[in-house]
């Protein structure tokens, strides 16, 4: 049997190259090839694995030419440079190293905070220019100040720990942070508005999603105390840069330190040159140790997969064996969609998730299915979550995850039920896979339904009273929305009811508000699968 062959098209450390060779993998090390996409496309067909950093763009065109490729390994967390749907369609595993950069990024945030407090870059430039402006650079102490941490996941929790070592008071906002986990971190859990009001320094450690885009905008800045300092080492787009500039000019914000920008590479930016701003070129993960760690980690993971079939830290597939895959695949799709359904309806802190497997599915590898549920559940809020990282993220946030296995007690050959407990309520949703292999919703909050997961759906809970369906359908008609499927269910006549409607095209935001305003409606949500 011939050795698997890996192409390394970006700069990986010699030690990582050696790991491949020591494990029995043939390596073609061309660290500058990633910049030449045409040449990469010409030769990619000869390789079983592709190891990259950020310079190589694994586009659909490249992937289409990759006839033998089984795995793409990204040394680092971000996989924006890989077209994952194209890779998935070809059965190519996409791996990353989600936790190798955490300490380095957290340290960069702390470093920027200290530099901001004492105006270090500005003082350095002035002193080296021979000015000796000792009275100009009047900084502030860190000790005793309140640090507001937005996002208390892997990196955010390290920042919390380091800040407490600096004798700061740490408050944290994270919808998925439980009170118990907050106590473990020594952090006071608060809502975003309270964090904005109380913090002397605000540091961002959250992914960029629709919910977090411009989380620090003009309205948020207006709620902060005068003299606040803002640090962003997470993602460009979390801060409205124009609003920040105006707040700096008005002196409401005393300073800002940014490692990430809405557009990168940021060769020009409205904030550049402002005396209250410190900028670095996305250095969060740039230390010798972090670069070495992720390179060694991706070499080990790719070698494991190519030589033994073991999968770890995969973006587009759970950790399962080749024998288990065919049986599990439709149930993984069901599990992720059930999680996504619950996640899109959940807006408060999750305390507990109970996943019940009944019938044949209870005999399968439920760990992979639970990972899929959690990935679907967490992704609407956290963005970059995959079936491997989801259990770790849930554990970091102190969520209790229970699996219950039962012999066939339901009307279905296999049934998965996902029950989510938040601070305010419990919500359960059940689904199965029919003989056609398609996932189906069969129960929502105790109300029987029978619905496929549509790409774009509207979910409504309402009182079962005459007139609702007519008014609801009229709103859709007025908005020129075409209905694909329409499912109704109720507990009892006149009681709670639900409507689940699949539509063609996206759901306009103003339509949801109009549906919510109907007299009988308790909740209206747009869902996407």
Protein backbone atom coordinates (compact mmCIF):
# COMPACT_ATOMS: atom_id res chain seq x y z
CA UNK A 1 0.00 0.00 0.00
CA UNK A 2 1.45 3.40 -1.01
CA UNK A 3 2.05 6.09 1.57
CA UNK A 4 -0.51 8.89 1.82
CA UNK A 5 0.84 12.13 0.37
CA UNK A 6 0.37 15.57 1.95
CA UNK A 7 1.01 18.95 0.36
CA UNK A 8 2.01 21.76 2.75
CA UNK A 9 1.35 24.99 0.81
CA UNK A 10 1.98 27.51 3.64
CA UNK A 11 4.79 28.03 6.15
CA UNK A 12 4.63 25.25 8.77
CA UNK A 13 7.47 24.59 11.20
CA UNK A 14 10.14 21.95 10.36
CA UNK A 15 9.01 20.01 13.45
CA UNK A 16 5.50 19.68 11.95
CA UNK A 17 6.93 18.48 8.63
CA UNK A 18 8.96 15.90 10.55
CA UNK A 19 5.85 14.62 12.38
CA UNK A 20 4.29 13.68 9.04
CA UNK A 21 7.46 11.89 7.94
CA UNK A 22 7.93 10.09 11.26
CA UNK A 23 4.34 8.82 11.09
CA UNK A 24 4.86 7.43 7.58
CA UNK A 25 3.24 10.18 5.50
CA UNK A 26 4.98 11.47 2.37
CA UNK A 27 5.33 15.28 2.45
CA UNK A 28 5.73 17.87 -0.29
CA UNK A 29 6.70 21.08 1.51
CA UNK A 30 6.14 24.15 -0.69
CA UNK A 31 5.60 27.02 1.78
CA UNK A 32 5.05 29.71 -0.88
CA UNK A 33 2.71 27.74 -3.13
CA UNK A 34 -0.46 29.04 -1.44
CA UNK A 35 0.05 32.46 -3.04
CA UNK A 36 -0.08 30.91 -6.54
CA UNK A 37 -3.63 29.57 -6.86
CA UNK A 38 -3.21 28.51 -10.50
CA UNK A 39 -0.17 26.37 -9.75
CA UNK A 40 -1.92 24.94 -6.69
CA UNK A 41 -4.91 23.99 -8.85
CA UNK A 42 -2.57 22.30 -11.35
CA UNK A 43 -0.92 19.98 -8.81
CA UNK A 44 -3.55 19.46 -6.06
CA UNK A 45 -4.88 16.33 -7.80
CA UNK A 46 -1.80 14.36 -6.69
CA UNK A 47 -2.34 14.66 -2.93
CA UNK A 48 -4.37 12.98 -0.17
CA UNK A 49 -3.98 15.86 2.30
CA UNK A 50 -3.52 19.64 2.18
CA UNK A 51 -2.01 21.42 5.19
CA UNK A 52 -2.45 25.21 5.24
CA UNK A 53 -2.39 28.37 7.32
CA UNK A 54 -4.21 31.49 6.08
CA UNK A 55 -2.39 32.29 2.81
CA UNK A 56 -3.75 29.31 0.86
CA UNK A 57 -7.33 29.71 -0.38
CA UNK A 58 -8.97 26.29 -0.73
CA UNK A 59 -11.65 27.48 -3.15
CA UNK A 60 -14.33 25.40 -4.86
CA UNK A 61 -12.17 25.49 -8.01
CA UNK A 62 -9.17 24.05 -6.12
CA UNK A 63 -11.34 21.46 -4.39
CA UNK A 64 -12.91 20.41 -7.69
CA UNK A 65 -9.42 19.60 -9.02
CA UNK A 66 -8.51 17.67 -5.86
CA UNK A 67 -9.36 14.18 -7.09
CA UNK A 68 -7.58 12.28 -4.28
CA UNK A 69 -7.92 14.78 -1.44
CA UNK A 70 -9.31 13.33 1.80
CA UNK A 71 -8.45 16.01 4.33
CA UNK A 72 -7.68 19.74 4.55
CA UNK A 73 -5.93 20.74 7.78
CA UNK A 74 -5.86 24.38 8.90
CA UNK A 75 -3.16 25.20 11.46
CA UNK A 76 -5.23 27.73 13.41
CA UNK A 77 -8.91 28.31 14.15
CA UNK A 78 -10.27 30.41 11.26
CA UNK A 79 -11.36 28.47 8.17
CA UNK A 80 -12.68 31.42 6.14
CA UNK A 81 -10.12 30.48 3.48
CA UNK A 82 -11.70 27.04 2.93
CA UNK A 83 -14.97 26.60 1.03
CA UNK A 84 -16.40 24.06 3.45
CA UNK A 85 -19.61 23.21 1.51
CA UNK A 86 -17.52 22.31 -1.55
CA UNK A 87 -15.22 20.16 0.59
CA UNK A 88 -18.15 18.46 2.32
CA UNK A 89 -19.85 17.68 -0.99
CA UNK A 90 -16.69 15.82 -2.05
CA UNK A 91 -16.35 14.00 1.26
CA UNK A 92 -13.21 15.95 2.24
CA UNK A 93 -12.75 16.35 5.99
CA UNK A 94 -11.84 19.92 7.04
CA UNK A 95 -9.91 20.08 10.32
CA UNK A 96 -8.67 23.01 12.38
CA UNK A 97 -6.91 23.52 15.72
CA UNK A 98 -9.50 25.48 17.71
CA UNK A 99 -7.69 25.89 21.01
CA UNK A 100 -3.99 26.27 20.12
CA UNK A 101 -4.04 30.10 20.05
CA UNK A 102 -6.12 30.82 23.15
CA UNK A 103 -3.41 31.87 25.62
CA UNK A 104 -1.60 33.95 23.02
CA UNK A 105 -4.75 35.87 22.04
CA UNK A 106 -5.73 36.44 25.68
CA UNK A 107 -2.24 37.76 26.48
CA UNK A 108 -2.45 40.14 23.51
CA UNK A 109 -5.71 41.58 24.85
CA UNK A 110 -4.15 42.12 28.30
CA UNK A 111 -1.06 43.68 26.68
CA UNK A 112 -3.20 46.11 24.67
CA UNK A 113 -5.21 47.01 27.77
CA UNK A 114 -2.03 47.88 29.69
CA UNK A 115 -0.59 49.79 26.72
CA UNK A 116 -3.88 51.72 26.46
CA UNK A 117 -3.93 52.56 30.17
CA UNK A 118 -0.43 54.08 30.02
CA UNK A 119 -0.34 55.29 26.38
CA UNK A 120 2.82 53.25 25.80
CA UNK A 121 3.04 53.46 21.96
CA UNK A 122 2.42 57.21 21.95
CA UNK A 123 4.91 57.80 24.77
CA UNK A 124 7.49 55.65 22.99
CA UNK A 125 7.13 57.58 19.71
CA UNK A 126 7.38 60.93 21.54
CA UNK A 127 10.43 59.92 23.57
CA UNK A 128 12.27 58.49 20.56
CA UNK A 129 11.56 61.75 18.75
CA UNK A 130 13.53 63.50 21.54
CA UNK A 131 10.57 65.36 23.05
CA UNK A 132 10.58 64.11 26.70
CA UNK A 133 6.90 65.00 27.28
CA UNK A 134 6.63 63.63 30.80
CA UNK A 135 3.51 65.63 31.73
CA UNK A 136 1.64 64.82 28.49
CA UNK A 137 1.18 61.11 29.13
CA UNK A 138 -0.92 60.91 32.25
CA UNK A 139 -2.17 57.32 32.35
CA UNK A 140 -4.55 55.44 34.63
CA UNK A 141 -3.98 52.54 37.01
CA UNK A 142 -5.40 49.10 36.28
CA UNK A 143 -5.71 48.03 39.93
CA UNK A 144 -9.27 48.35 41.22
CA UNK A 145 -10.73 49.19 37.84
CA UNK A 146 -13.69 47.25 36.38
CA UNK A 147 -13.05 45.15 33.30
CA UNK A 148 -16.10 44.19 31.24
CA UNK A 149 -15.49 40.96 29.30
CA UNK A 150 -17.95 40.40 26.44
CA UNK A 151 -17.77 36.66 25.71
CA UNK A 152 -16.49 34.30 28.44
CA UNK A 153 -15.53 31.31 26.32
CA UNK A 154 -12.09 29.78 25.95
CA UNK A 155 -10.15 33.03 25.38
CA UNK A 156 -12.44 35.27 27.43
CA UNK A 157 -12.11 33.04 30.50
CA UNK A 158 -8.29 33.26 30.31
CA UNK A 159 -8.57 37.07 30.12
CA UNK A 160 -10.81 36.99 33.22
CA UNK A 161 -8.19 34.97 35.12
CA UNK A 162 -5.28 37.24 34.13
CA UNK A 163 -7.25 40.40 34.91
CA UNK A 164 -8.01 39.15 38.42
CA UNK A 165 -4.25 38.62 38.84
CA UNK A 166 -3.92 42.34 38.06
CA UNK A 167 -6.42 43.01 40.88
CA UNK A 168 -9.18 44.17 38.57
CA UNK A 169 -12.90 43.73 39.25
CA UNK A 170 -14.18 41.51 36.40
CA UNK A 171 -17.76 41.51 35.12
CA UNK A 172 -18.83 39.33 32.20
CA UNK A 173 -21.61 39.21 29.63
CA UNK A 174 -22.21 35.95 27.80
CA UNK A 175 -25.71 34.55 27.09
CA UNK A 176 -24.34 31.02 27.57
CA UNK A 177 -22.50 31.69 30.84
CA UNK A 178 -24.23 30.02 33.79
CA UNK A 179 -24.12 31.43 37.34
CA UNK A 180 -22.13 28.38 38.46
CA UNK A 181 -19.48 28.80 35.74
CA UNK A 182 -19.30 32.55 36.50
CA UNK A 183 -18.57 31.74 40.16
CA UNK A 184 -15.83 29.30 39.10
CA UNK A 185 -14.26 32.06 37.01
CA UNK A 186 -14.61 34.62 39.81
CA UNK A 187 -16.66 36.78 37.45
CA UNK A 188 -19.85 38.71 38.19
CA UNK A 189 -22.34 37.77 35.47
CA UNK A 190 -24.25 40.81 34.15
CA UNK A 191 -26.42 41.80 31.20
CA UNK A 192 -24.77 43.77 28.39
CA UNK A 193 -26.36 47.11 29.34
CA UNK A 194 -25.04 46.84 32.91
CA UNK A 195 -21.57 45.89 31.66
CA UNK A 196 -21.54 48.95 29.39
CA UNK A 197 -22.65 51.20 32.26
CA UNK A 198 -20.10 49.94 34.82
CA UNK A 199 -16.92 49.00 32.94
CA UNK A 200 -13.78 51.15 32.89
CA UNK A 201 -12.30 48.85 30.24
CA UNK A 202 -14.29 46.69 27.80
CA UNK A 203 -12.66 43.75 25.99
CA UNK A 204 -14.41 41.69 23.30
CA UNK A 205 -14.02 37.91 22.99
CA UNK A 206 -17.03 36.79 21.00
CA UNK A 207 -17.38 35.43 17.46
CA UNK A 208 -18.83 37.60 14.70
CA UNK A 209 -22.44 36.55 14.09
CA UNK A 210 -25.61 38.38 13.05
CA UNK A 211 -26.35 38.92 16.75
CA UNK A 212 -22.89 40.27 17.64
CA UNK A 213 -22.17 42.39 14.54
CA UNK A 214 -21.63 46.01 15.71
CA UNK A 215 -22.37 44.95 19.30
CA UNK A 216 -20.38 48.09 20.21
CA UNK A 217 -22.25 50.68 18.12
CA UNK A 218 -23.28 54.29 18.80
CA UNK A 219 -26.19 53.20 21.02
CA UNK A 220 -23.95 50.87 23.06
CA UNK A 221 -21.22 53.51 23.42
CA UNK A 222 -23.82 56.01 24.65
CA UNK A 223 -24.51 53.67 27.59
CA UNK A 224 -20.85 53.51 28.66
CA UNK A 225 -19.28 55.72 31.30
CA UNK A 226 -17.23 58.70 30.11
CA UNK A 227 -13.56 57.76 29.84
CA UNK A 228 -14.13 54.09 28.97
CA UNK A 229 -11.39 52.26 27.06
CA UNK A 230 -12.24 49.56 24.48
CA UNK A 231 -10.11 46.59 23.36
CA UNK A 232 -10.93 44.25 20.45
CA UNK A 233 -8.72 41.23 19.70
CA UNK A 234 -11.62 39.03 18.55
CA UNK A 235 -13.15 39.88 15.18
CA UNK A 236 -13.44 42.95 12.99
CA UNK A 237 -17.08 44.02 12.71
CA UNK A 238 -17.86 43.72 16.43
CA UNK A 239 -17.16 47.45 16.79
CA UNK A 240 -18.80 50.12 14.63
CA UNK A 241 -15.58 51.92 13.67
CA UNK A 242 -17.28 55.20 12.65
CA UNK A 243 -19.25 55.36 15.91
CA UNK A 244 -16.04 54.65 17.84
CA UNK A 245 -14.22 57.45 16.01
CA UNK A 246 -16.96 59.95 16.87
CA UNK A 247 -16.88 58.87 20.54
CA UNK A 248 -13.08 59.25 20.61
CA UNK A 249 -13.34 62.71 19.06
CA UNK A 250 -15.93 63.77 21.65
CA UNK A 251 -13.65 62.35 24.41
CA UNK A 252 -16.46 60.09 25.67
CA UNK A 253 -14.20 57.12 24.89
CA UNK A 254 -10.71 57.75 26.30
CA UNK A 255 -8.96 55.24 24.07
CA UNK A 256 -9.28 52.14 21.94
CA UNK A 257 -6.89 49.29 21.11
CA UNK A 258 -7.71 47.21 18.04
CA UNK A 259 -6.05 44.10 16.65
CA UNK A 260 -8.85 43.39 14.16
CA UNK A 261 -10.74 45.54 11.67
CA UNK A 262 -13.92 45.39 9.58
CA UNK A 263 -11.77 45.17 6.44
CA UNK A 264 -8.44 43.35 6.47
CA UNK A 265 -5.66 43.78 5.52
CA UNK A 266 -6.38 47.23 6.96
CA UNK A 267 -3.99 49.39 4.96
CA UNK A 268 -6.20 52.42 5.59
CA UNK A 269 -8.83 53.05 8.24
CA UNK A 270 -10.61 56.11 9.63
CA UNK A 271 -9.19 55.32 13.09
CA UNK A 272 -5.56 55.29 11.95
CA UNK A 273 -3.58 58.27 13.24
CA UNK A 274 -6.01 59.12 16.04
CA UNK A 275 -3.99 59.96 19.19
CA UNK A 276 -6.24 57.77 21.37
CA UNK A 277 -5.99 54.64 19.25
CA UNK A 278 -3.50 51.74 19.32
CA UNK A 279 -3.54 49.37 16.35
CA UNK A 280 -1.83 46.04 15.64
CA UNK A 281 -2.10 43.96 12.43
CA UNK A 282 -4.16 40.97 13.67
CA UNK A 283 -1.38 39.68 15.93
CA UNK A 284 -3.67 37.84 18.39
CA UNK A 285 -2.28 34.42 17.50
CA UNK A 286 1.20 35.57 16.53
CA UNK A 287 3.67 34.12 18.99
CA UNK A 288 6.32 31.51 18.35
CA UNK A 289 4.64 29.13 20.79
CA UNK A 290 1.14 29.46 19.29
CA UNK A 291 2.35 29.04 15.71
CA UNK A 292 4.38 25.97 16.71
CA UNK A 293 1.51 24.46 18.75
CA UNK A 294 -1.06 24.65 15.96
CA UNK A 295 1.41 23.35 13.35
CA UNK A 296 2.31 20.29 15.43
CA UNK A 297 -1.35 19.69 16.28
CA UNK A 298 -2.54 19.74 12.65
CA UNK A 299 0.28 17.40 11.60
CA UNK A 300 -0.80 14.87 14.25
CA UNK A 301 -4.51 15.14 13.39
CA UNK A 302 -4.00 14.77 9.64
CA UNK A 303 -1.63 11.82 10.11
CA UNK A 304 -4.14 10.09 12.39
CA UNK A 305 -6.90 10.45 9.83
CA UNK A 306 -4.87 9.42 6.79
CA UNK A 307 -3.32 6.40 8.53
CA UNK A 308 -6.08 5.16 10.86
CA UNK A 309 -9.30 6.97 9.88
CA UNK A 310 -9.55 8.69 13.27
CA UNK A 311 -11.18 12.14 13.02
CA UNK A 312 -10.61 14.96 15.50
CA UNK A 313 -11.41 18.70 15.43
CA UNK A 314 -13.31 18.33 12.17
CA UNK A 315 -15.42 21.29 11.08
CA UNK A 316 -17.72 19.33 8.82
CA UNK A 317 -17.97 15.85 10.39
CA UNK A 318 -18.09 14.34 13.87
CA UNK A 319 -15.56 11.95 15.33
CA UNK A 320 -16.83 8.62 14.07
CA UNK A 321 -15.40 5.59 12.32
CA UNK A 322 -15.93 4.63 8.69
CA UNK A 323 -18.12 1.66 9.73
CA UNK A 324 -20.47 3.84 11.76
CA UNK A 325 -20.86 6.62 9.19
CA UNK A 326 -23.59 5.25 6.86
CA UNK A 327 -26.05 4.47 9.69
CA UNK A 328 -25.33 7.65 11.62
CA UNK A 329 -25.34 10.19 8.80
CA UNK A 330 -29.14 10.86 8.57
CA UNK A 331 -29.43 10.94 12.38
CA UNK A 332 -26.54 13.42 12.61
CA UNK A 333 -28.47 15.68 10.22
CA UNK A 334 -31.60 15.27 12.39
CA UNK A 335 -29.69 15.94 15.64
CA UNK A 336 -28.07 19.12 14.31
CA UNK A 337 -31.39 20.44 12.98
CA UNK A 338 -33.21 19.72 16.25
CA UNK A 339 -30.43 21.58 18.09
CA UNK A 340 -30.61 24.45 15.61
CA UNK A 341 -34.40 24.65 16.01
CA UNK A 342 -34.04 24.95 19.80
CA UNK A 343 -31.04 27.31 19.52
CA UNK A 344 -32.81 29.75 17.22
CA UNK A 345 -35.69 30.00 19.70
CA UNK A 346 -33.47 30.39 22.79
CA UNK A 347 -32.44 33.89 23.87
CA UNK A 348 -31.45 33.44 27.51
CA UNK A 349 -28.74 31.54 29.35
CA UNK A 350 -28.93 27.76 28.91
CA UNK A 351 -28.61 25.80 32.14
CA UNK A 352 -29.28 22.27 30.93
CA UNK A 353 -29.73 20.25 27.75
CA UNK A 354 -31.30 16.79 27.96
CA UNK A 355 -31.14 14.64 24.85
CA UNK A 356 -33.27 11.49 24.87
CA UNK A 357 -32.60 8.70 22.38
CA UNK A 358 -35.38 6.14 21.97
CA UNK A 359 -35.50 2.98 19.88
CA UNK A 360 -32.81 1.95 17.39
CA UNK A 361 -31.01 5.30 17.60
CA UNK A 362 -30.23 4.59 21.28
CA UNK A 363 -27.96 1.75 20.11
CA UNK A 364 -25.89 4.04 17.86
CA UNK A 365 -22.88 6.20 18.77
CA UNK A 366 -24.87 8.81 20.63
CA UNK A 367 -21.80 10.88 21.54
CA UNK A 368 -21.50 11.97 17.91
CA UNK A 369 -25.23 12.72 17.81
CA UNK A 370 -25.04 14.76 21.03
CA UNK A 371 -22.14 16.74 19.56
CA UNK A 372 -24.30 17.45 16.53
CA UNK A 373 -27.21 18.63 18.75
CA UNK A 374 -24.88 20.97 20.66
CA UNK A 375 -23.32 22.34 17.46
CA UNK A 376 -26.77 23.15 16.10
CA UNK A 377 -27.88 24.62 19.42
CA UNK A 378 -24.87 26.90 19.97
CA UNK A 379 -24.18 28.03 16.39
CA UNK A 380 -27.02 30.63 16.13
CA UNK A 381 -25.38 32.57 18.98
CA UNK A 382 -21.69 31.68 18.73
CA UNK A 383 -21.06 31.26 15.00
CA UNK A 384 -17.86 29.24 14.66
CA UNK A 385 -18.99 26.06 16.41
CA UNK A 386 -18.46 22.57 15.00
CA UNK A 387 -19.44 19.13 16.17
CA UNK A 388 -16.05 18.66 17.85
CA UNK A 389 -15.73 22.01 19.62
CA UNK A 390 -19.40 22.22 20.70
CA UNK A 391 -19.14 19.90 23.76
CA UNK A 392 -16.04 21.79 24.98
CA UNK A 393 -17.79 25.15 24.55
CA UNK A 394 -20.89 23.88 26.38
CA UNK A 395 -18.72 22.62 29.24
CA UNK A 396 -16.80 25.94 29.42
CA UNK A 397 -20.08 27.74 29.90
CA UNK A 398 -21.17 25.39 32.66
CA UNK A 399 -24.07 23.83 30.76
CA UNK A 400 -25.27 20.45 32.02
CA UNK A 401 -25.63 17.99 29.14
CA UNK A 402 -27.57 14.79 29.89
CA UNK A 403 -28.03 11.83 27.57
CA UNK A 404 -30.97 9.48 28.24
CA UNK A 405 -31.15 6.16 26.39
CA UNK A 406 -34.43 4.25 26.21
CA UNK A 407 -35.74 1.18 24.45
CA UNK A 408 -38.53 1.87 21.96
CA UNK A 409 -41.28 3.57 23.98
CA UNK A 410 -42.63 5.86 21.25
CA UNK A 411 -44.63 5.35 18.04
CA UNK A 412 -41.42 5.70 16.04
CA UNK A 413 -38.65 3.23 15.28
CA UNK A 414 -36.16 5.90 16.41
CA UNK A 415 -36.85 9.18 18.19
CA UNK A 416 -34.55 11.97 19.37
CA UNK A 417 -35.89 14.56 21.83
CA UNK A 418 -33.94 17.71 22.72
CA UNK A 419 -35.11 19.50 25.91
CA UNK A 420 -33.47 22.86 26.68
CA UNK A 421 -33.81 24.43 30.13
CA UNK A 422 -33.08 28.17 30.43
CA UNK A 423 -33.46 30.63 33.29
CA UNK A 424 -37.05 31.26 32.18
CA UNK A 425 -38.48 28.09 30.65
CA UNK A 426 -38.05 24.56 29.31
CA UNK A 427 -38.59 23.79 25.64
CA UNK A 428 -38.58 20.32 24.05
CA UNK A 429 -38.58 19.29 20.40
CA UNK A 430 -38.57 15.77 18.94
CA UNK A 431 -37.71 14.32 15.55
CA UNK A 432 -37.19 11.12 13.63
CA UNK A 433 -35.82 9.84 10.35
CA UNK A 434 -38.26 8.12 8.00
CA UNK A 435 -37.41 5.44 5.43
CA UNK A 436 -36.62 8.15 2.85
CA UNK A 437 -33.67 9.24 5.03
CA UNK A 438 -35.07 12.75 5.61
CA UNK A 439 -35.16 14.27 9.13
CA UNK A 440 -38.64 15.20 10.36
CA UNK A 441 -40.03 17.27 13.23
CA UNK A 442 -42.73 15.27 15.02
CA UNK A 443 -43.30 17.12 18.32
CA UNK A 444 -42.80 20.70 19.49
CA UNK A 445 -43.48 21.50 23.16
CA UNK A 446 -45.83 18.51 23.41
CA UNK A 447 -47.78 19.43 20.28
CA UNK A 448 -47.75 16.78 17.53
CA UNK A 449 -46.58 17.88 14.07
CA UNK A 450 -45.12 16.19 11.03
CA UNK A 451 -42.83 18.59 9.19
CA UNK A 452 -39.63 18.56 7.20
CA UNK A 453 -36.96 21.15 8.02
CA UNK A 454 -37.28 23.79 5.29
CA UNK A 455 -34.47 26.14 4.34
CA UNK A 456 -36.51 29.16 5.45
CA UNK A 457 -39.37 28.84 7.96
CA UNK A 458 -41.65 30.90 10.20
CA UNK A 459 -42.54 29.49 13.64
CA UNK A 460 -45.51 30.91 15.53
CA UNK A 461 -47.02 30.02 18.92
CA UNK A 462 -50.54 31.32 19.35
CA UNK A 463 -53.89 30.91 21.06
CA UNK A 464 -56.16 28.52 19.16
CA UNK A 465 -58.91 31.00 18.27
CA UNK A 466 -60.83 31.59 15.02
CA UNK A 467 -59.40 34.17 12.63
CA UNK A 468 -55.69 33.62 13.28
CA UNK A 469 -54.93 31.57 10.16
CA UNK A 470 -56.72 34.04 7.89
CA UNK A 471 -54.87 37.06 9.28
CA UNK A 472 -51.55 35.19 9.25
CA UNK A 473 -51.97 34.05 5.64
CA UNK A 474 -53.03 37.57 4.61
CA UNK A 475 -49.81 39.02 6.02
CA UNK A 476 -47.77 36.52 4.01
CA UNK A 477 -49.82 37.28 0.89
CA UNK A 478 -49.41 41.04 1.34
CA UNK A 479 -45.64 40.54 1.63
CA UNK A 480 -45.74 38.45 -1.60
CA UNK A 481 -44.37 35.45 0.31
CA UNK A 482 -45.04 32.09 -1.29
CA UNK A 483 -45.91 29.26 1.14
CA UNK A 484 -44.20 25.93 0.45
CA UNK A 485 -45.65 23.92 3.38
CA UNK A 486 -47.98 24.83 6.26
CA UNK A 487 -48.14 22.74 9.45
CA UNK A 488 -50.50 23.32 12.37
CA UNK A 489 -50.83 21.68 15.77
CA UNK A 490 -52.53 22.33 19.10
CA UNK A 491 -52.72 20.95 22.62
CA UNK A 492 -56.53 21.11 22.75
CA UNK A 493 -59.35 23.17 21.26
CA UNK A 494 -58.93 26.78 22.34
CA UNK A 495 -55.56 26.08 23.96
CA UNK A 496 -51.97 26.64 22.84
CA UNK A 497 -51.28 26.09 19.15
CA UNK A 498 -48.33 26.33 16.80
CA UNK A 499 -47.88 27.09 13.12
CA UNK A 500 -44.75 26.05 11.26
CA UNK A 501 -44.57 27.42 7.74
CA UNK A 502 -41.91 26.82 5.11
CA UNK A 503 -41.62 29.69 2.62
CA UNK A 504 -39.73 30.41 -0.59
CA UNK A 505 -36.92 32.90 0.02
CA UNK A 506 -35.76 34.66 3.19
CA UNK A 507 -38.14 35.99 5.86
CA UNK A 508 -38.28 39.83 5.89
CA UNK A 509 -37.61 41.21 9.40
CA UNK A 510 -40.62 43.54 9.31
CA UNK A 511 -42.92 40.60 8.53
CA UNK A 512 -41.96 38.86 11.80
CA UNK A 513 -42.84 42.06 13.70
CA UNK A 514 -46.25 42.22 11.98
CA UNK A 515 -46.98 38.56 12.80
CA UNK A 516 -45.92 39.16 16.42
CA UNK A 517 -48.42 42.04 16.58
CA UNK A 518 -51.42 39.80 15.74
CA UNK A 519 -53.74 39.54 18.79
CA UNK A 520 -53.52 35.77 19.30
CA UNK A 521 -49.75 35.49 18.76
CA UNK A 522 -47.44 34.74 21.71
CA UNK A 523 -44.18 34.34 19.77
CA UNK A 524 -43.08 34.63 16.13
CA UNK A 525 -39.62 33.66 14.87
CA UNK A 526 -37.86 33.35 11.53
CA UNK A 527 -35.86 30.11 11.30
CA UNK A 528 -33.20 29.05 8.80
CA UNK A 529 -31.80 25.55 8.27
